[in-house]
C-alpha atoms as a PDB file:
ATOM      1  CA  UNK A   1     121.127  79.685  73.580  1.00  0.00           C
ATOM      2  CA  UNK A   2     118.807  81.287  76.154  1.00  0.00           C
ATOM      3  CA  UNK A   3     115.246  79.955  76.140  1.00  0.00           C
ATOM      4  CA  UNK A   4     112.465  81.149  78.441  1.00  0.00           C
ATOM      5  CA  UNK A   5     109.417  79.068  79.253  1.00  0.00           C
ATOM      6  CA  UNK A   6     106.821  78.846  82.019  1.00  0.00           C
ATOM      7  CA  UNK A   7     106.675  75.236  83.213  1.00  0.00           C
ATOM      8  CA  UNK A   8     104.301  76.065  86.093  1.00  0.00           C
ATOM      9  CA  UNK A   9     102.062  79.039  86.874  1.00  0.00           C
ATOM     10  CA  UNK A  10     104.170  81.876  88.248  1.00  0.00           C
ATOM     11  CA  UNK A  11     107.462  80.051  87.665  1.00  0.00           C
ATOM     12  CA  UNK A  12     109.595  81.003  84.662  1.00  0.00           C
ATOM     13  CA  UNK A  13     112.594  78.950  83.597  1.00  0.00           C
ATOM     14  CA  UNK A  14     115.498  80.408  81.623  1.00  0.00           C
ATOM     15  CA  UNK A  15     117.471  77.552  80.097  1.00  0.00           C
ATOM     16  CA  UNK A  16     121.076  78.021  78.962  1.00  0.00           C
ATOM     17  CA  UNK A  17     121.400  75.573  76.093  1.00  0.00           C
ATOM     18  CA  UNK A  18     124.646  75.411  74.128  1.00  0.00           C
ATOM     19  CA  UNK A  19     126.046  72.021  75.199  1.00  0.00           C
ATOM     20  CA  UNK A  20     128.544  71.881  72.349  1.00  0.00           C
ATOM     21  CA  UNK A  21     130.447  74.755  73.964  1.00  0.00           C
ATOM     22  CA  UNK A  22     129.570  73.993  77.604  1.00  0.00           C
ATOM     23  CA  UNK A  23     127.164  76.934  77.621  1.00  0.00           C
ATOM     24  CA  UNK A  24     129.905  79.492  76.971  1.00  0.00           C
ATOM     25  CA  UNK A  25     128.193  82.799  76.181  1.00  0.00           C
ATOM     26  CA  UNK A  26     129.095  84.799  73.023  1.00  0.00           C
ATOM     27  CA  UNK A  27     128.984  88.589  73.060  1.00  0.00           C
ATOM     28  CA  UNK A  28     125.678  88.805  71.165  1.00  0.00           C
ATOM     29  CA  UNK A  29     123.951  86.462  73.610  1.00  0.00           C
ATOM     30  CA  UNK A  30     124.535  88.784  76.577  1.00  0.00           C
ATOM     31  CA  UNK A  31     122.282  91.391  74.962  1.00  0.00           C
ATOM     32  CA  UNK A  32     119.787  88.709  73.985  1.00  0.00           C
ATOM     33  CA  UNK A  33     119.677  87.658  77.633  1.00  0.00           C
ATOM     34  CA  UNK A  34     118.839  91.223  78.627  1.00  0.00           C
ATOM     35  CA  UNK A  35     116.096  91.387  75.998  1.00  0.00           C
ATOM     36  CA  UNK A  36     114.525  88.106  77.138  1.00  0.00           C
ATOM     37  CA  UNK A  37     114.475  89.247  80.749  1.00  0.00           C
ATOM     38  CA  UNK A  38     112.928  92.590  79.805  1.00  0.00           C
ATOM     39  CA  UNK A  39     110.068  90.715  78.117  1.00  0.00           C
ATOM     40  CA  UNK A  40     109.485  88.205  80.920  1.00  0.00           C
ATOM     41  CA  UNK A  41     105.766  87.567  81.557  1.00  0.00           C
ATOM     42  CA  UNK A  42     104.248  89.943  84.118  1.00  0.00           C
ATOM     43  CA  UNK A  43     102.736  86.999  86.019  1.00  0.00           C
ATOM     44  CA  UNK A  44     106.187  85.635  86.857  1.00  0.00           C
ATOM     45  CA  UNK A  45     106.709  85.241  90.608  1.00  0.00           C
ATOM     46  CA  UNK A  46     110.082  83.499  90.560  1.00  0.00           C
ATOM     47  CA  UNK A  47     112.700  82.787  87.889  1.00  0.00           C
ATOM     48  CA  UNK A  48     114.937  79.736  87.590  1.00  0.00           C
ATOM     49  CA  UNK A  49     118.081  79.869  85.436  1.00  0.00           C
ATOM     50  CA  UNK A  50     120.485  77.075  84.508  1.00  0.00           C
ATOM     51  CA  UNK A  51     121.495  74.369  82.068  1.00  0.00           C
ATOM     52  CA  UNK A  52     121.177  70.602  81.867  1.00  0.00           C
ATOM     53  CA  UNK A  53     124.835  69.509  81.630  1.00  0.00           C
ATOM     54  CA  UNK A  54     126.680  72.682  82.645  1.00  0.00           C
ATOM     55  CA  UNK A  55     125.709  76.046  84.049  1.00  0.00           C
ATOM     56  CA  UNK A  56     128.167  78.055  81.946  1.00  0.00           C
ATOM     57  CA  UNK A  57     131.830  78.001  80.996  1.00  0.00           C
ATOM     58  CA  UNK A  58     131.648  81.806  81.039  1.00  0.00           C
ATOM     59  CA  UNK A  59     132.446  84.067  78.111  1.00  0.00           C
ATOM     60  CA  UNK A  60     133.013  82.323  74.783  1.00  0.00           C
ATOM     61  CA  UNK A  61     136.821  82.275  74.577  1.00  0.00           C
ATOM     62  CA  UNK A  62     136.718  81.476  70.858  1.00  0.00           C
ATOM     63  CA  UNK A  63     135.826  85.125  70.307  1.00  0.00           C
ATOM     64  CA  UNK A  64     138.796  86.418  72.281  1.00  0.00           C
ATOM     65  CA  UNK A  65     141.321  85.641  69.545  1.00  0.00           C
ATOM     66  CA  UNK A  66     139.450  87.980  67.215  1.00  0.00           C
ATOM     67  CA  UNK A  67     139.638  90.803  69.730  1.00  0.00           C
ATOM     68  CA  UNK A  68     143.359  91.214  68.986  1.00  0.00           C
ATOM     69  CA  UNK A  69     142.612  92.251  65.399  1.00  0.00           C
ATOM     70  CA  UNK A  70     139.307  93.983  66.100  1.00  0.00           C
ATOM     71  CA  UNK A  71     139.527  96.477  68.989  1.00  0.00           C
ATOM     72  CA  UNK A  72     135.907  97.531  68.463  1.00  0.00           C
ATOM     73  CA  UNK A  73     134.749  93.973  69.132  1.00  0.00           C
ATOM     74  CA  UNK A  74     136.867  93.867  72.277  1.00  0.00           C
ATOM     75  CA  UNK A  75     135.379  97.179  73.417  1.00  0.00           C
ATOM     76  CA  UNK A  76     131.845  95.838  72.874  1.00  0.00           C
ATOM     77  CA  UNK A  77     132.399  92.739  75.000  1.00  0.00           C
ATOM     78  CA  UNK A  78     132.528  94.271  78.476  1.00  0.00           C
ATOM     79  CA  UNK A  79     129.390  96.478  78.228  1.00  0.00           C
ATOM     80  CA  UNK A  80     127.404  93.669  76.584  1.00  0.00           C
ATOM     81  CA  UNK A  81     128.309  91.260  79.380  1.00  0.00           C
ATOM     82  CA  UNK A  82     127.467  93.943  81.927  1.00  0.00           C
ATOM     83  CA  UNK A  83     124.021  94.497  80.404  1.00  0.00           C
ATOM     84  CA  UNK A  84     123.225  90.790  80.529  1.00  0.00           C
ATOM     85  CA  UNK A  85     124.411  90.224  84.090  1.00  0.00           C
ATOM     86  CA  UNK A  86     122.790  93.380  85.463  1.00  0.00           C
ATOM     87  CA  UNK A  87     119.533  92.505  83.709  1.00  0.00           C
ATOM     88  CA  UNK A  88     119.447  89.300  85.737  1.00  0.00           C
ATOM     89  CA  UNK A  89     120.514  91.014  88.959  1.00  0.00           C
ATOM     90  CA  UNK A  90     117.802  93.645  88.673  1.00  0.00           C
ATOM     91  CA  UNK A  91     114.888  91.388  87.737  1.00  0.00           C
ATOM     92  CA  UNK A  92     112.164  92.340  90.202  1.00  0.00           C
ATOM     93  CA  UNK A  93     111.323  88.763  91.223  1.00  0.00           C
ATOM     94  CA  UNK A  94     113.462  86.265  93.154  1.00  0.00           C
ATOM     95  CA  UNK A  95     115.948  84.387  90.951  1.00  0.00           C
ATOM     96  CA  UNK A  96     117.294  80.901  91.663  1.00  0.00           C
ATOM     97  CA  UNK A  97     120.369  79.726  89.731  1.00  0.00           C
ATOM     98  CA  UNK A  98     120.561  75.961  89.223  1.00  0.00           C
ATOM     99  CA  UNK A  99     124.235  75.062  88.907  1.00  0.00           C
ATOM    100  CA  UNK A 100     125.068  71.691  87.389  1.00  0.00           C
ATOM    101  CA  UNK A 101     128.432  70.728  85.907  1.00  0.00           C
ATOM    102  CA  UNK A 102     130.875  73.547  85.288  1.00  0.00           C
ATOM    103  CA  UNK A 103     130.426  77.165  86.334  1.00  0.00           C
ATOM    104  CA  UNK A 104     133.449  79.256  85.413  1.00  0.00           C
ATOM    105  CA  UNK A 105     134.522  82.871  84.899  1.00  0.00           C
ATOM    106  CA  UNK A 106     131.617  84.993  83.716  1.00  0.00           C
ATOM    107  CA  UNK A 107     129.347  82.035  84.490  1.00  0.00           C
ATOM    108  CA  UNK A 108     130.134  82.592  88.169  1.00  0.00           C
ATOM    109  CA  UNK A 109     129.254  86.270  87.775  1.00  0.00           C
ATOM    110  CA  UNK A 110     125.942  85.256  86.214  1.00  0.00           C
ATOM    111  CA  UNK A 111     125.187  82.810  89.038  1.00  0.00           C
ATOM    112  CA  UNK A 112     126.057  85.458  91.632  1.00  0.00           C
ATOM    113  CA  UNK A 113     123.551  87.813  90.011  1.00  0.00           C
ATOM    114  CA  UNK A 114     120.837  85.396  91.164  1.00  0.00           C
ATOM    115  CA  UNK A 115     119.422  85.590  94.681  1.00  0.00           C
ATOM    116  CA  UNK A 116     119.910  81.910  95.508  1.00  0.00           C
ATOM    117  CA  UNK A 117     122.034  79.118  94.064  1.00  0.00           C
ATOM    118  CA  UNK A 118     121.170  75.422  94.147  1.00  0.00           C
ATOM    119  CA  UNK A 119     123.978  73.137  92.966  1.00  0.00           C
ATOM    120  CA  UNK A 120     124.191  69.558  91.811  1.00  0.00           C
ATOM    121  CA  UNK A 121     126.539  67.231  93.640  1.00  0.00           C
ATOM    122  CA  UNK A 122     128.915  67.232  90.668  1.00  0.00           C
ATOM    123  CA  UNK A 123     129.048  71.003  90.225  1.00  0.00           C
ATOM    124  CA  UNK A 124     132.439  72.686  89.848  1.00  0.00           C
ATOM    125  CA  UNK A 125     133.129  76.402  90.178  1.00  0.00           C
ATOM    126  CA  UNK A 126     136.127  78.624  89.489  1.00  0.00           C
ATOM    127  CA  UNK A 127     136.781  82.332  88.931  1.00  0.00           C
ATOM    128  CA  UNK A 128     139.402  82.231  86.184  1.00  0.00           C
ATOM    129  CA  UNK A 129     140.493  85.705  84.940  1.00  0.00           C
ATOM    130  CA  UNK A 130     144.024  85.413  86.367  1.00  0.00           C
ATOM    131  CA  UNK A 131     144.539  82.189  84.418  1.00  0.00           C
ATOM    132  CA  UNK A 132     143.543  83.938  81.200  1.00  0.00           C
ATOM    133  CA  UNK A 133     145.416  87.170  81.794  1.00  0.00           C
ATOM    134  CA  UNK A 134     142.269  89.289  81.861  1.00  0.00           C
ATOM    135  CA  UNK A 135     140.381  91.308  84.465  1.00  0.00           C
ATOM    136  CA  UNK A 136     137.083  90.718  86.247  1.00  0.00           C
ATOM    137  CA  UNK A 137     134.503  93.540  86.283  1.00  0.00           C
ATOM    138  CA  UNK A 138     134.328  95.532  89.497  1.00  0.00           C
ATOM    139  CA  UNK A 139     130.597  94.847  89.963  1.00  0.00           C
ATOM    140  CA  UNK A 140     131.255  91.101  89.809  1.00  0.00           C
ATOM    141  CA  UNK A 141     134.193  91.332  92.214  1.00  0.00           C
ATOM    142  CA  UNK A 142     131.909  93.257  94.577  1.00  0.00           C
ATOM    143  CA  UNK A 143     129.212  90.560  94.429  1.00  0.00           C
ATOM    144  CA  UNK A 144     131.779  87.826  94.989  1.00  0.00           C
ATOM    145  CA  UNK A 145     133.241  89.713  97.955  1.00  0.00           C
ATOM    146  CA  UNK A 146     129.803  90.347  99.440  1.00  0.00           C
ATOM    147  CA  UNK A 147     129.045  86.643  99.182  1.00  0.00           C
ATOM    148  CA  UNK A 148     132.225  85.113 100.607  1.00  0.00           C
ATOM    149  CA  UNK A 149     134.255  87.939 102.197  1.00  0.00           C
ATOM    150  CA  UNK A 150     137.377  89.714 100.963  1.00  0.00           C
ATOM    151  CA  UNK A 151     139.910  87.041 101.870  1.00  0.00           C
ATOM    152  CA  UNK A 152     138.075  84.190 100.199  1.00  0.00           C
ATOM    153  CA  UNK A 153     137.273  86.369  97.190  1.00  0.00           C
ATOM    154  CA  UNK A 154     140.953  87.245  96.875  1.00  0.00           C
ATOM    155  CA  UNK A 155     141.956  83.600  97.000  1.00  0.00           C
ATOM    156  CA  UNK A 156     139.416  82.609  94.340  1.00  0.00           C
ATOM    157  CA  UNK A 157     140.447  85.484  92.071  1.00  0.00           C
ATOM    158  CA  UNK A 158     144.222  85.173  92.508  1.00  0.00           C
ATOM    159  CA  UNK A 159     144.472  81.369  92.299  1.00  0.00           C
ATOM    160  CA  UNK A 160     141.648  80.448  89.928  1.00  0.00           C
ATOM    161  CA  UNK A 161     141.261  77.248  91.950  1.00  0.00           C
ATOM    162  CA  UNK A 162     138.363  74.936  91.191  1.00  0.00           C
ATOM    163  CA  UNK A 163     135.931  74.246  94.022  1.00  0.00           C
ATOM    164  CA  UNK A 164     133.650  71.236  94.159  1.00  0.00           C
ATOM    165  CA  UNK A 165     130.060  71.656  95.284  1.00  0.00           C
ATOM    166  CA  UNK A 166     130.585  70.986  99.027  1.00  0.00           C
ATOM    167  CA  UNK A 167     133.583  73.350  99.180  1.00  0.00           C
ATOM    168  CA  UNK A 168     131.671  76.104  97.358  1.00  0.00           C
ATOM    169  CA  UNK A 169     128.662  75.621  99.644  1.00  0.00           C
ATOM    170  CA  UNK A 170     130.887  75.763 102.731  1.00  0.00           C
ATOM    171  CA  UNK A 171     131.947  79.338 101.898  1.00  0.00           C
ATOM    172  CA  UNK A 172     128.474  80.487 100.875  1.00  0.00           C
ATOM    173  CA  UNK A 173     128.629  80.324  97.092  1.00  0.00           C
ATOM    174  CA  UNK A 174     125.903  77.673  96.984  1.00  0.00           C
ATOM    175  CA  UNK A 175     122.842  77.787  99.226  1.00  0.00           C
ATOM    176  CA  UNK A 176     122.051  74.106  98.754  1.00  0.00           C
ATOM    177  CA  UNK A 177     123.605  71.023  97.178  1.00  0.00           C
ATOM    178  CA  UNK A 178     121.196  68.367  95.940  1.00  0.00           C
ATOM    179  CA  UNK A 179     121.213  65.075  94.069  1.00  0.00           C
ATOM    180  CA  UNK A 180     118.551  66.529  91.756  1.00  0.00           C
ATOM    181  CA  UNK A 181     119.143  70.283  91.832  1.00  0.00           C
ATOM    182  CA  UNK A 182     116.371  71.135  89.385  1.00  0.00           C
ATOM    183  CA  UNK A 183     113.842  69.259  91.503  1.00  0.00           C
ATOM    184  CA  UNK A 184     115.157  71.027  94.619  1.00  0.00           C
ATOM    185  CA  UNK A 185     114.950  74.388  92.845  1.00  0.00           C
ATOM    186  CA  UNK A 186     111.347  73.799  91.801  1.00  0.00           C
ATOM    187  CA  UNK A 187     110.390  72.939  95.387  1.00  0.00           C
ATOM    188  CA  UNK A 188     111.975  76.212  96.493  1.00  0.00           C
ATOM    189  CA  UNK A 189     110.341  78.127  93.635  1.00  0.00           C
ATOM    190  CA  UNK A 190     106.877  76.788  94.511  1.00  0.00           C
ATOM    191  CA  UNK A 191     107.330  77.962  98.097  1.00  0.00           C
ATOM    192  CA  UNK A 192     108.366  81.429  96.935  1.00  0.00           C
ATOM    193  CA  UNK A 193     105.590  81.592  94.316  1.00  0.00           C
ATOM    194  CA  UNK A 194     103.045  80.724  96.991  1.00  0.00           C
ATOM    195  CA  UNK A 195     103.864  83.874  98.937  1.00  0.00           C
ATOM    196  CA  UNK A 196     102.763  87.437  98.231  1.00  0.00           C
ATOM    197  CA  UNK A 197     104.170  88.673  94.936  1.00  0.00           C
ATOM    198  CA  UNK A 198     104.108  92.286  96.141  1.00  0.00           C
ATOM    199  CA  UNK A 199     105.966  91.347  99.307  1.00  0.00           C
ATOM    200  CA  UNK A 200     108.709  89.313  97.617  1.00  0.00           C
ATOM    201  CA  UNK A 201     109.273  92.097  95.090  1.00  0.00           C
ATOM    202  CA  UNK A 202     109.566  94.677  97.854  1.00  0.00           C
ATOM    203  CA  UNK A 203     111.894  92.455  99.893  1.00  0.00           C
ATOM    204  CA  UNK A 204     114.119  91.882  96.858  1.00  0.00           C
ATOM    205  CA  UNK A 205     114.298  95.639  96.255  1.00  0.00           C
ATOM    206  CA  UNK A 206     115.525  96.092  99.827  1.00  0.00           C
ATOM    207  CA  UNK A 207     118.084  93.298  99.440  1.00  0.00           C
ATOM    208  CA  UNK A 208     119.374  94.880  96.219  1.00  0.00           C
ATOM    209  CA  UNK A 209     119.640  98.373  97.716  1.00  0.00           C
ATOM    210  CA  UNK A 210     119.203  98.465 101.508  1.00  0.00           C
ATOM    211  CA  UNK A 211     120.287 102.112 101.691  1.00  0.00           C
ATOM    212  CA  UNK A 212     117.424 103.389  99.499  1.00  0.00           C
ATOM    213  CA  UNK A 213     114.199 104.763 100.950  1.00  0.00           C
ATOM    214  CA  UNK A 214     111.687 101.908 100.794  1.00  0.00           C
ATOM    215  CA  UNK A 215     109.213 103.381 103.296  1.00  0.00           C
ATOM    216  CA  UNK A 216     106.581 104.241 100.685  1.00  0.00           C
ATOM    217  CA  UNK A 217     106.563 100.691  99.322  1.00  0.00           C
ATOM    218  CA  UNK A 218     106.400  99.332 102.865  1.00  0.00           C
ATOM    219  CA  UNK A 219     103.380 101.515 103.658  1.00  0.00           C
ATOM    220  CA  UNK A 220     101.625 100.552 100.416  1.00  0.00           C
ATOM    221  CA  UNK A 221     101.867  96.877 101.334  1.00  0.00           C
ATOM    222  CA  UNK A 222     100.063  97.474 104.618  1.00  0.00           C
ATOM    223  CA  UNK A 223      97.268  99.246 102.770  1.00  0.00           C
ATOM    224  CA  UNK A 224      96.842  96.505 100.170  1.00  0.00           C
ATOM    225  CA  UNK A 225      94.810  93.320  99.903  1.00  0.00           C
ATOM    226  CA  UNK A 226      97.859  91.054 100.130  1.00  0.00           C
ATOM    227  CA  UNK A 227      98.487  91.829 103.787  1.00  0.00           C
ATOM    228  CA  UNK A 228      94.843  91.181 104.725  1.00  0.00           C
ATOM    229  CA  UNK A 229      94.866  87.815 102.969  1.00  0.00           C
ATOM    230  CA  UNK A 230      98.301  86.988 104.322  1.00  0.00           C
ATOM    231  CA  UNK A 231      97.365  87.707 107.934  1.00  0.00           C
ATOM    232  CA  UNK A 232      94.156  85.711 107.583  1.00  0.00           C
ATOM    233  CA  UNK A 233      96.094  82.733 106.216  1.00  0.00           C
ATOM    234  CA  UNK A 234      98.651  83.067 109.007  1.00  0.00           C
ATOM    235  CA  UNK A 235      95.953  83.096 111.685  1.00  0.00           C
ATOM    236  CA  UNK A 236      94.364  80.040 110.080  1.00  0.00           C
ATOM    237  CA  UNK A 237      97.646  78.148 110.237  1.00  0.00           C
ATOM    238  CA  UNK A 238      98.156  79.197 113.859  1.00  0.00           C
ATOM    239  CA  UNK A 239      94.633  78.319 115.033  1.00  0.00           C
ATOM    240  CA  UNK A 240      94.320  75.138 117.148  1.00  0.00           C
ATOM    241  CA  UNK A 241      92.465  72.326 115.462  1.00  0.00           C
ATOM    242  CA  UNK A 242      90.243  69.886 117.279  1.00  0.00           C
ATOM    243  CA  UNK A 243      89.054  66.508 116.137  1.00  0.00           C
END
């Protein structure tokens, strides 16, 4: 259900494609997601992830009934989901989630693992563990809280309420809402891909772990070719032009 292609140089697209189940993600697909991301082309500068009709209904609830009779399957679910979500969160390049249709439960956790989220006007989002009588992983609660604050995170978790795209954008869950979110995401991706790959990777590393020591990477950038070319391009843009 996950398919990776490269529609433009430097831009990879990870499509979630299981429309018959609203892109709900079975246990085995979480590990497949991690494997696909590990093998992403080295030339990738930015990654887009999303579906055509829905982003994701979250974990595949059809499997949950079997967990009652198979404790080993239940035990495998949480770490598999964690591997898939963390694989997306730790990809070294900027990630843009394109949210169309429904985005629920673990689908929200997957979207929050991206760096930016562009939503369609008809997008709907809800964090639903309390409705199902299950928990939500601590790492995903932490990302939700970091994005919207503790009070709003608590409300979303405790109520399971569904937010439309404008309401989700108003509290910071979506960075943009567009009539054609894929087109908007590609415009954003081209802008990112046009910048220094070394710089965006270093900046993402700082965003992911601002407390780590990034001084060595910072110094390497100033000694590299990218900064020379970047400063030259900047000066060119700033130079006055005369007819």
